[in-house]
């Protein structure tokens, strides 16, 4: 039922359907890890992080249920705490993940990257002044990237290294990351054939890291056509703003640069809107 609901509904309709399904889950004997994970993913789809947190905390209180002790459920619990970001949530999320990593024999790269994300968010909360959290974020993203290279871990690692003062011209590590990111992007195919806003956003981020104005413009135009949700744009904008603030600028006064600035303004403006997609700023 949960899988069908995720396929059939979105937004408010999915939230209502999930509420109906949850009412039928009073019998703890029928609860399985698969059911809980699907419910957590469904809440994640509609950004209901509070519901994710409360679901796991309800499981913790059930005397005959040990599902909340499973590493994959703890992972989603920590993710939701970090996103909800109520008082003490991020510290608790970090504590949970560090405990999971201590007890997990073969942690996956996503576990390392979640630790990196929590430290990165703490760094951003400090208006980029908490260098200790920044360096911890770098350390965890690096572990994730070394264990299994991905565009997500590589982009975040590269951005934070730039924030820490490194530049592509002088940093061997950054250049190696850049080569790997280009290789990973190449497997996705051409930009014109990308229909997933997540892939296009990563193409955009890599182009901005490489100061490739032409490709960045093409990616921004493609992203606009795919109408990504505002929650995703906010995540993308975080890295774009860090690149703008800390990367050594290439001074270029050209029509291409003006087009890029135009698209960046649109994307930044869209994240301030409450509507469910991109719109032109007035």
Protein backbone atom coordinates (compact mmCIF):
# COMPACT_ATOMS: atom_id res chain seq x y z
CA UNK A 1 0.00 0.00 0.00
CA UNK A 2 2.83 2.40 0.86
CA UNK A 3 4.64 1.76 -2.44
CA UNK A 4 1.39 2.25 -4.38
CA UNK A 5 0.73 5.50 -2.52
CA UNK A 6 4.23 6.81 -3.37
CA UNK A 7 3.67 5.99 -7.04
CA UNK A 8 0.14 7.39 -7.20
CA UNK A 9 0.17 10.50 -4.99
CA UNK A 10 2.32 13.56 -4.35
CA UNK A 11 2.37 16.45 -1.90
CA UNK A 12 -0.78 16.94 0.19
CA UNK A 13 -2.54 13.91 -1.31
CA UNK A 14 0.39 11.65 -0.38
CA UNK A 15 0.43 13.10 3.15
CA UNK A 16 -3.29 12.29 3.60
CA UNK A 17 -2.85 8.76 2.24
CA UNK A 18 0.13 8.14 4.55
CA UNK A 19 -1.94 9.29 7.53
CA UNK A 20 -4.63 6.74 6.58
CA UNK A 21 -2.06 3.96 6.24
CA UNK A 22 -0.43 4.82 9.57
CA UNK A 23 -3.78 4.45 11.36
CA UNK A 24 -3.87 0.81 10.24
CA UNK A 25 -0.44 0.05 11.70
CA UNK A 26 -1.44 -0.39 15.34
CA UNK A 27 -0.59 -4.11 15.29
CA UNK A 28 3.17 -4.23 15.97
CA UNK A 29 3.32 -7.89 14.92
CA UNK A 30 2.86 -6.95 11.27
CA UNK A 31 5.54 -4.24 11.33
CA UNK A 32 8.65 -5.08 9.32
CA UNK A 33 11.78 -3.15 8.47
CA UNK A 34 10.59 -2.91 4.85
CA UNK A 35 7.28 -1.31 5.88
CA UNK A 36 8.98 1.24 8.15
CA UNK A 37 11.64 2.16 5.55
CA UNK A 38 8.97 2.68 2.90
CA UNK A 39 6.97 4.86 5.26
CA UNK A 40 10.08 6.89 6.14
CA UNK A 41 10.90 7.34 2.44
CA UNK A 42 7.33 8.43 1.78
CA UNK A 43 7.52 11.08 4.49
CA UNK A 44 10.87 12.16 3.06
CA UNK A 45 9.26 12.57 -0.37
CA UNK A 46 6.89 15.20 1.07
CA UNK A 47 9.58 16.72 3.36
CA UNK A 48 7.61 15.79 6.49
CA UNK A 49 10.71 15.36 8.63
CA UNK A 50 8.77 15.75 11.87
CA UNK A 51 6.65 12.71 10.94
CA UNK A 52 9.83 10.71 10.24
CA UNK A 53 11.23 11.61 13.66
CA UNK A 54 7.99 10.82 15.47
CA UNK A 55 7.59 7.48 13.69
CA UNK A 56 11.01 6.26 14.85
CA UNK A 57 10.51 7.63 18.36
CA UNK A 58 7.18 5.78 18.52
CA UNK A 59 8.96 2.55 17.56
CA UNK A 60 11.52 3.15 20.32
CA UNK A 61 8.73 3.20 22.90
CA UNK A 62 7.21 -0.14 21.82
CA UNK A 63 8.44 -2.82 24.27
CA UNK A 64 8.29 -5.72 21.80
CA UNK A 65 9.73 -3.87 18.80
CA UNK A 66 13.46 -3.54 18.07
CA UNK A 67 13.16 -2.03 14.58
CA UNK A 68 14.40 1.37 15.78
CA UNK A 69 17.75 -0.25 16.64
CA UNK A 70 18.45 -1.19 13.01
CA UNK A 71 21.21 0.82 11.34
CA UNK A 72 19.20 1.70 8.23
CA UNK A 73 16.32 3.07 10.32
CA UNK A 74 18.73 4.99 12.57
CA UNK A 75 20.23 6.48 9.38
CA UNK A 76 16.84 7.85 8.27
CA UNK A 77 16.15 9.05 11.81
CA UNK A 78 19.40 11.03 11.89
CA UNK A 79 18.69 12.40 8.39
CA UNK A 80 15.25 13.59 9.49
CA UNK A 81 16.56 15.16 12.71
CA UNK A 82 19.16 17.12 10.74
CA UNK A 83 16.56 18.35 8.25
CA UNK A 84 13.96 19.20 10.90
CA UNK A 85 16.60 21.22 12.78
CA UNK A 86 14.71 21.91 15.98
CA UNK A 87 16.78 22.81 19.04
CA UNK A 88 19.33 20.05 19.66
CA UNK A 89 18.33 18.04 16.57
CA UNK A 90 21.65 18.31 14.73
CA UNK A 91 23.70 17.39 17.80
CA UNK A 92 21.45 14.37 18.37
CA UNK A 93 21.66 13.36 14.69
CA UNK A 94 25.45 13.50 14.85
CA UNK A 95 25.55 11.44 18.04
CA UNK A 96 23.31 8.78 16.45
CA UNK A 97 25.43 8.53 13.30
CA UNK A 98 28.73 8.34 15.18
CA UNK A 99 27.30 5.51 17.30
CA UNK A 100 26.06 3.70 14.16
CA UNK A 101 29.49 4.00 12.53
CA UNK A 102 31.18 2.60 15.64
CA UNK A 103 28.94 -0.46 15.69
CA UNK A 104 28.59 -1.06 11.94
CA UNK A 105 31.05 -3.55 10.42
CA UNK A 106 30.73 -2.30 6.85
CA UNK A 107 29.37 1.27 6.79
CA UNK A 108 28.24 2.56 3.42
CA UNK A 109 29.39 5.82 1.83
CA UNK A 110 25.96 7.36 2.47
CA UNK A 111 26.61 7.04 6.23
CA UNK A 112 29.90 8.93 5.94
CA UNK A 113 28.23 11.54 3.73
CA UNK A 114 25.38 12.09 6.19
CA UNK A 115 27.96 12.88 8.90
CA UNK A 116 29.54 15.28 6.42
CA UNK A 117 26.16 16.87 5.71
CA UNK A 118 25.39 17.39 9.41
CA UNK A 119 28.76 19.03 10.04
CA UNK A 120 28.32 21.13 6.88
CA UNK A 121 24.91 22.36 8.07
CA UNK A 122 26.38 23.24 11.48
CA UNK A 123 29.10 25.18 9.63
CA UNK A 124 26.50 27.01 7.52
CA UNK A 125 24.46 27.80 10.65
CA UNK A 126 27.55 29.58 12.01
CA UNK A 127 27.62 31.88 8.94
CA UNK A 128 30.70 29.96 7.77
CA UNK A 129 32.72 30.81 10.90
CA UNK A 130 32.90 27.39 12.58
CA UNK A 131 36.08 26.10 10.93
CA UNK A 132 36.16 22.98 13.13
CA UNK A 133 32.78 21.82 11.78
CA UNK A 134 33.89 22.70 8.23
CA UNK A 135 37.02 20.57 8.59
CA UNK A 136 34.99 17.70 10.09
CA UNK A 137 32.59 17.90 7.13
CA UNK A 138 35.56 17.70 4.75
CA UNK A 139 36.91 14.66 6.60
CA UNK A 140 33.60 12.75 6.40
CA UNK A 141 32.84 13.64 2.77
CA UNK A 142 36.39 12.60 1.89
CA UNK A 143 35.84 9.20 3.55
CA UNK A 144 32.62 8.74 1.58
CA UNK A 145 34.27 9.79 -1.70
CA UNK A 146 37.25 7.48 -1.13
CA UNK A 147 35.02 4.53 -0.26
CA UNK A 148 32.82 5.00 -3.33
CA UNK A 149 33.15 8.03 -5.58
CA UNK A 150 29.87 9.78 -6.33
CA UNK A 151 28.88 13.15 -7.73
CA UNK A 152 27.17 14.03 -4.45
CA UNK A 153 30.17 13.36 -2.19
CA UNK A 154 32.69 14.75 -4.70
CA UNK A 155 30.84 18.03 -5.28
CA UNK A 156 30.40 18.65 -1.56
CA UNK A 157 34.03 17.74 -0.84
CA UNK A 158 35.29 20.06 -3.59
CA UNK A 159 33.07 22.95 -2.47
CA UNK A 160 34.21 22.66 1.15
CA UNK A 161 37.88 22.41 0.16
CA UNK A 162 37.43 25.68 -1.76
CA UNK A 163 35.73 27.20 1.30
CA UNK A 164 38.79 26.10 3.31
CA UNK A 165 41.03 28.10 0.97
CA UNK A 166 42.13 25.59 -1.66
CA UNK A 167 41.99 26.38 -5.39
CA UNK A 168 42.05 24.10 -8.43
CA UNK A 169 45.19 25.81 -9.74
CA UNK A 170 47.30 24.80 -6.73
CA UNK A 171 45.53 21.83 -5.09
CA UNK A 172 46.37 18.33 -6.33
CA UNK A 173 43.43 16.89 -4.37
CA UNK A 174 40.96 19.28 -6.00
CA UNK A 175 42.28 18.49 -9.47
CA UNK A 176 41.94 14.74 -8.82
CA UNK A 177 38.38 15.26 -7.60
CA UNK A 178 37.64 17.34 -10.71
CA UNK A 179 38.86 14.57 -13.03
CA UNK A 180 36.75 12.00 -11.17
CA UNK A 181 33.65 14.23 -11.26
CA UNK A 182 33.98 14.71 -15.02
CA UNK A 183 34.29 10.95 -15.45
CA UNK A 184 31.17 10.33 -13.33
CA UNK A 185 29.24 13.00 -15.26
CA UNK A 186 30.29 11.43 -18.56
CA UNK A 187 28.48 8.23 -17.59
CA UNK A 188 25.22 10.19 -17.33
CA UNK A 189 25.28 11.01 -21.04
CA UNK A 190 24.82 14.38 -22.69
CA UNK A 191 23.12 17.25 -20.88
CA UNK A 192 20.41 17.43 -23.55
CA UNK A 193 19.29 13.89 -22.73
CA UNK A 194 19.21 14.36 -18.96
CA UNK A 195 15.62 14.34 -17.70
CA UNK A 196 16.37 14.13 -13.98
CA UNK A 197 16.71 17.51 -12.26
CA UNK A 198 19.12 15.95 -9.75
CA UNK A 199 21.55 14.99 -12.56
CA UNK A 200 21.24 18.40 -14.22
CA UNK A 201 21.82 20.15 -10.90
CA UNK A 202 25.02 18.15 -10.40
CA UNK A 203 26.12 19.00 -13.96
CA UNK A 204 25.46 22.66 -13.10
CA UNK A 205 27.49 22.44 -9.86
CA UNK A 206 30.46 20.78 -11.57
CA UNK A 207 30.38 23.43 -14.33
CA UNK A 208 30.41 26.18 -11.70
CA UNK A 209 33.32 24.51 -9.89
CA UNK A 210 35.22 24.33 -13.20
CA UNK A 211 34.31 27.96 -14.04
CA UNK A 212 32.87 26.69 -17.34
CA UNK A 213 30.44 29.52 -18.01
CA UNK A 214 29.07 28.06 -21.25
CA UNK A 215 28.16 24.68 -19.74
CA UNK A 216 26.80 26.35 -16.59
CA UNK A 217 24.41 28.44 -18.72
CA UNK A 218 23.24 25.35 -20.64
CA UNK A 219 22.69 23.46 -17.38
CA UNK A 220 20.75 26.34 -15.82
CA UNK A 221 18.47 26.55 -18.88
CA UNK A 222 17.92 22.78 -18.79
CA UNK A 223 17.18 22.88 -15.07
CA UNK A 224 14.56 25.58 -15.58
CA UNK A 225 12.71 23.43 -18.12
CA UNK A 226 12.58 20.48 -15.69
CA UNK A 227 10.84 22.62 -13.01
CA UNK A 228 12.59 21.18 -9.94
CA UNK A 229 10.91 21.52 -6.54
CA UNK A 230 11.95 24.45 -4.36
CA UNK A 231 13.34 22.16 -1.61
CA UNK A 232 15.87 20.80 -4.11
CA UNK A 233 16.79 24.26 -5.38
CA UNK A 234 17.51 25.39 -1.81
CA UNK A 235 20.04 22.57 -1.45
CA UNK A 236 21.61 23.43 -4.82
CA UNK A 237 21.77 27.14 -3.98
CA UNK A 238 23.72 26.43 -0.78
CA UNK A 239 26.65 25.13 -2.82
CA UNK A 240 26.31 27.78 -5.54
CA UNK A 241 26.49 30.54 -2.93
CA UNK A 242 29.56 28.96 -1.33
CA UNK A 243 31.26 28.69 -4.75
CA UNK A 244 30.45 32.34 -5.47
CA UNK A 245 31.70 33.49 -2.07
CA UNK A 246 34.93 31.50 -1.78
CA UNK A 247 36.10 30.49 -5.27
CA UNK A 248 38.66 32.77 -6.87
CA UNK A 249 36.57 34.59 -9.50
CA UNK A 250 37.43 34.59 -13.18
CA UNK A 251 36.73 38.11 -14.36
CA UNK A 252 34.76 37.81 -17.57
CA UNK A 253 32.54 40.51 -19.00
CA UNK A 254 30.69 38.78 -21.80
CA UNK A 255 27.15 38.01 -22.95
CA UNK A 256 27.64 34.44 -21.68
CA UNK A 257 28.51 35.66 -18.19
CA UNK A 258 25.50 37.98 -18.24
CA UNK A 259 23.26 35.03 -19.17
CA UNK A 260 24.73 32.98 -16.32
CA UNK A 261 24.12 35.83 -13.87
CA UNK A 262 20.55 36.06 -15.17
CA UNK A 263 19.91 32.36 -14.51
CA UNK A 264 21.59 32.46 -11.11
CA UNK A 265 19.34 35.37 -10.13
CA UNK A 266 16.27 33.35 -11.17
CA UNK A 267 17.38 30.28 -9.20
CA UNK A 268 18.22 32.32 -6.10
CA UNK A 269 14.89 34.16 -6.36
CA UNK A 270 12.97 30.89 -6.75
CA UNK A 271 14.26 29.61 -3.41
CA UNK A 272 12.64 32.58 -1.67
CA UNK A 273 9.23 31.68 -3.07
CA UNK A 274 6.62 29.47 -1.44
CA UNK A 275 5.32 28.23 -4.78
CA UNK A 276 6.16 24.75 -6.04
CA UNK A 277 8.52 25.54 -8.87
CA UNK A 278 10.55 28.10 -10.73
CA UNK A 279 9.19 31.44 -11.80
CA UNK A 280 10.73 34.56 -13.24
CA UNK A 281 11.49 37.27 -10.66
CA UNK A 282 9.62 40.50 -11.29
